[in-house]
């Protein structure tokens, strides 16, 4: 099956050889988004809550470009540079989704681009 890319001018441009998202069948795989402000190309100011909000803003822009919403997200992977930030990330996460919540994995990593505290990737499904 051919890869069908999706991109949004309202999300940061890919900084490497990858797409913002790829369709395969009815599934959209969104690449990880860090809290980069697409207007400035720089990391947003603030703590884990602000950074999580921006990462989700970027993902929502990509979803919108594909004609999808957060309600169609089925799986989320969250990468934190410290599990001490879990509660702050989780509070924003709970605001961005409604029950039933998507499946989720959260892991701690040593480092993220631009010293971001969080990166989030997701998979969404288009209704048939």
C-alpha atoms as a PDB file:
ATOM      1  CA  UNK A   1       0.000   0.000   0.000  1.00  0.00           C
ATOM      2  CA  UNK A   2       1.338   3.448  -0.901  1.00  0.00           C
ATOM      3  CA  UNK A   3       2.081   5.930   1.848  1.00  0.00           C
ATOM      4  CA  UNK A   4      -0.149   8.997   1.653  1.00  0.00           C
ATOM      5  CA  UNK A   5       1.405  11.926   3.544  1.00  0.00           C
ATOM      6  CA  UNK A   6      -0.508  14.573   5.462  1.00  0.00           C
ATOM      7  CA  UNK A   7       0.944  17.907   6.487  1.00  0.00           C
ATOM      8  CA  UNK A   8      -0.293  21.116   8.029  1.00  0.00           C
ATOM      9  CA  UNK A   9       1.209  24.607   7.805  1.00  0.00           C
ATOM     10  CA  UNK A  10      -0.149  25.080  11.344  1.00  0.00           C
ATOM     11  CA  UNK A  11       2.271  22.509  12.791  1.00  0.00           C
ATOM     12  CA  UNK A  12       6.066  22.637  12.790  1.00  0.00           C
ATOM     13  CA  UNK A  13       7.662  21.471   9.556  1.00  0.00           C
ATOM     14  CA  UNK A  14       9.440  18.149   9.653  1.00  0.00           C
ATOM     15  CA  UNK A  15      13.104  18.707  10.460  1.00  0.00           C
ATOM     16  CA  UNK A  16      14.252  15.415   9.009  1.00  0.00           C
ATOM     17  CA  UNK A  17      13.321  12.721   6.515  1.00  0.00           C
ATOM     18  CA  UNK A  18       9.838  12.028   7.869  1.00  0.00           C
ATOM     19  CA  UNK A  19       6.246  13.127   7.293  1.00  0.00           C
ATOM     20  CA  UNK A  20       4.014  14.864   9.820  1.00  0.00           C
ATOM     21  CA  UNK A  21       1.577  11.999   9.294  1.00  0.00           C
ATOM     22  CA  UNK A  22       0.938   9.053   6.989  1.00  0.00           C
ATOM     23  CA  UNK A  23      -2.329   7.408   5.982  1.00  0.00           C
ATOM     24  CA  UNK A  24      -2.478   3.655   5.633  1.00  0.00           C
ATOM     25  CA  UNK A  25      -5.997   2.444   4.983  1.00  0.00           C
ATOM     26  CA  UNK A  26      -8.256   4.129   7.552  1.00  0.00           C
ATOM     27  CA  UNK A  27      -5.425   4.737  10.018  1.00  0.00           C
ATOM     28  CA  UNK A  28      -3.468   7.961  10.322  1.00  0.00           C
ATOM     29  CA  UNK A  29      -0.072   7.660  12.013  1.00  0.00           C
ATOM     30  CA  UNK A  30       1.072  11.037  13.321  1.00  0.00           C
ATOM     31  CA  UNK A  31       4.768  11.564  13.938  1.00  0.00           C
ATOM     32  CA  UNK A  32       5.824  12.765  17.343  1.00  0.00           C
ATOM     33  CA  UNK A  33       5.265  16.441  18.001  1.00  0.00           C
ATOM     34  CA  UNK A  34       7.323  18.442  20.435  1.00  0.00           C
ATOM     35  CA  UNK A  35       6.196  21.771  21.897  1.00  0.00           C
ATOM     36  CA  UNK A  36       7.557  23.864  19.045  1.00  0.00           C
ATOM     37  CA  UNK A  37       5.561  26.964  18.138  1.00  0.00           C
ATOM     38  CA  UNK A  38       5.118  26.682  14.350  1.00  0.00           C
ATOM     39  CA  UNK A  39       5.097  30.480  14.002  1.00  0.00           C
ATOM     40  CA  UNK A  40       8.539  30.924  15.570  1.00  0.00           C
ATOM     41  CA  UNK A  41      10.120  27.508  15.162  1.00  0.00           C
ATOM     42  CA  UNK A  42      11.143  27.668  18.812  1.00  0.00           C
ATOM     43  CA  UNK A  43      10.187  25.770  21.930  1.00  0.00           C
ATOM     44  CA  UNK A  44       7.317  27.416  23.818  1.00  0.00           C
ATOM     45  CA  UNK A  45       8.064  29.034  27.152  1.00  0.00           C
ATOM     46  CA  UNK A  46       6.693  27.477  30.298  1.00  0.00           C
ATOM     47  CA  UNK A  47       6.544  24.202  32.136  1.00  0.00           C
ATOM     48  CA  UNK A  48       5.213  20.789  31.326  1.00  0.00           C
ATOM     49  CA  UNK A  49       1.591  21.983  31.094  1.00  0.00           C
ATOM     50  CA  UNK A  50       2.420  24.625  28.479  1.00  0.00           C
ATOM     51  CA  UNK A  51       4.631  22.224  26.573  1.00  0.00           C
ATOM     52  CA  UNK A  52       2.008  19.478  26.574  1.00  0.00           C
ATOM     53  CA  UNK A  53      -0.652  21.941  25.341  1.00  0.00           C
ATOM     54  CA  UNK A  54       1.582  22.990  22.427  1.00  0.00           C
ATOM     55  CA  UNK A  55       2.415  19.412  21.475  1.00  0.00           C
ATOM     56  CA  UNK A  56      -1.320  18.671  21.347  1.00  0.00           C
ATOM     57  CA  UNK A  57      -1.993  21.900  19.397  1.00  0.00           C
ATOM     58  CA  UNK A  58       0.512  20.714  16.796  1.00  0.00           C
ATOM     59  CA  UNK A  59      -1.060  17.263  16.639  1.00  0.00           C
ATOM     60  CA  UNK A  60      -4.553  18.733  16.310  1.00  0.00           C
ATOM     61  CA  UNK A  61      -3.354  20.821  13.362  1.00  0.00           C
ATOM     62  CA  UNK A  62      -2.122  17.672  11.618  1.00  0.00           C
ATOM     63  CA  UNK A  63      -5.351  15.825  12.443  1.00  0.00           C
ATOM     64  CA  UNK A  64      -7.394  18.735  11.052  1.00  0.00           C
ATOM     65  CA  UNK A  65      -5.373  18.660   7.821  1.00  0.00           C
ATOM     66  CA  UNK A  66      -6.420  15.008   7.521  1.00  0.00           C
ATOM     67  CA  UNK A  67     -10.077  15.824   8.274  1.00  0.00           C
ATOM     68  CA  UNK A  68      -9.935  14.198  11.723  1.00  0.00           C
ATOM     69  CA  UNK A  69     -10.403  15.289  15.331  1.00  0.00           C
ATOM     70  CA  UNK A  70      -9.104  14.210  18.722  1.00  0.00           C
ATOM     71  CA  UNK A  71     -12.269  12.107  19.095  1.00  0.00           C
ATOM     72  CA  UNK A  72     -10.888   9.766  16.430  1.00  0.00           C
ATOM     73  CA  UNK A  73      -7.586   9.123  18.215  1.00  0.00           C
ATOM     74  CA  UNK A  74      -7.195   5.487  19.243  1.00  0.00           C
ATOM     75  CA  UNK A  75      -3.587   5.321  20.550  1.00  0.00           C
ATOM     76  CA  UNK A  76      -1.197   7.833  22.083  1.00  0.00           C
ATOM     77  CA  UNK A  77       2.475   7.495  22.959  1.00  0.00           C
ATOM     78  CA  UNK A  78       3.905  10.094  25.347  1.00  0.00           C
ATOM     79  CA  UNK A  79       7.623  10.593  25.919  1.00  0.00           C
ATOM     80  CA  UNK A  80       8.705  12.555  29.003  1.00  0.00           C
ATOM     81  CA  UNK A  81      12.233  13.526  29.998  1.00  0.00           C
ATOM     82  CA  UNK A  82      11.189  13.050  33.633  1.00  0.00           C
ATOM     83  CA  UNK A  83       8.403  10.999  35.158  1.00  0.00           C
ATOM     84  CA  UNK A  84       8.156  13.817  37.721  1.00  0.00           C
ATOM     85  CA  UNK A  85       6.256  15.617  34.918  1.00  0.00           C
ATOM     86  CA  UNK A  86       3.664  12.847  34.604  1.00  0.00           C
ATOM     87  CA  UNK A  87       0.948  14.570  36.696  1.00  0.00           C
ATOM     88  CA  UNK A  88       1.267  17.870  34.793  1.00  0.00           C
ATOM     89  CA  UNK A  89       1.158  16.105  31.431  1.00  0.00           C
ATOM     90  CA  UNK A  90      -1.728  13.915  32.556  1.00  0.00           C
ATOM     91  CA  UNK A  91      -3.822  16.920  33.597  1.00  0.00           C
ATOM     92  CA  UNK A  92      -3.550  18.446  30.116  1.00  0.00           C
ATOM     93  CA  UNK A  93      -4.078  15.040  28.500  1.00  0.00           C
ATOM     94  CA  UNK A  94      -7.347  14.576  30.382  1.00  0.00           C
ATOM     95  CA  UNK A  95      -8.543  18.005  29.154  1.00  0.00           C
ATOM     96  CA  UNK A  96      -7.764  17.191  25.520  1.00  0.00           C
ATOM     97  CA  UNK A  97      -9.660  13.879  25.385  1.00  0.00           C
ATOM     98  CA  UNK A  98     -13.003  12.594  26.597  1.00  0.00           C
ATOM     99  CA  UNK A  99     -14.000   9.134  27.768  1.00  0.00           C
ATOM    100  CA  UNK A 100     -13.533   6.542  26.564  1.00  0.00           C
ATOM    101  CA  UNK A 101      -9.899   7.653  26.436  1.00  0.00           C
ATOM    102  CA  UNK A 102      -7.505   6.348  23.795  1.00  0.00           C
ATOM    103  CA  UNK A 103      -5.035   3.642  24.683  1.00  0.00           C
ATOM    104  CA  UNK A 104      -1.788   5.203  25.917  1.00  0.00           C
ATOM    105  CA  UNK A 105       1.820   4.448  26.706  1.00  0.00           C
ATOM    106  CA  UNK A 106       3.978   6.902  28.661  1.00  0.00           C
ATOM    107  CA  UNK A 107       7.716   6.405  28.988  1.00  0.00           C
ATOM    108  CA  UNK A 108      10.664   8.402  30.264  1.00  0.00           C
ATOM    109  CA  UNK A 109      13.470   9.137  27.806  1.00  0.00           C
ATOM    110  CA  UNK A 110      16.930  10.592  28.327  1.00  0.00           C
ATOM    111  CA  UNK A 111      16.512  13.593  26.038  1.00  0.00           C
ATOM    112  CA  UNK A 112      14.241  15.195  23.419  1.00  0.00           C
ATOM    113  CA  UNK A 113      14.958  17.695  20.602  1.00  0.00           C
ATOM    114  CA  UNK A 114      15.617  21.285  21.742  1.00  0.00           C
ATOM    115  CA  UNK A 115      15.520  20.064  25.358  1.00  0.00           C
ATOM    116  CA  UNK A 116      11.741  19.694  25.213  1.00  0.00           C
ATOM    117  CA  UNK A 117      10.155  18.040  28.238  1.00  0.00           C
ATOM    118  CA  UNK A 118       7.541  16.123  26.232  1.00  0.00           C
ATOM    119  CA  UNK A 119       6.923  14.603  22.802  1.00  0.00           C
ATOM    120  CA  UNK A 120       3.618  13.022  21.787  1.00  0.00           C
ATOM    121  CA  UNK A 121       2.694  10.808  18.844  1.00  0.00           C
ATOM    122  CA  UNK A 122      -0.667   9.266  18.027  1.00  0.00           C
ATOM    123  CA  UNK A 123      -2.725   7.079  15.761  1.00  0.00           C
ATOM    124  CA  UNK A 124      -6.236   8.043  14.645  1.00  0.00           C
ATOM    125  CA  UNK A 125      -8.866   6.167  12.666  1.00  0.00           C
ATOM    126  CA  UNK A 126     -11.139   7.559   9.987  1.00  0.00           C
ATOM    127  CA  UNK A 127     -14.741   6.393  10.330  1.00  0.00           C
ATOM    128  CA  UNK A 128     -15.949   4.235   7.495  1.00  0.00           C
END
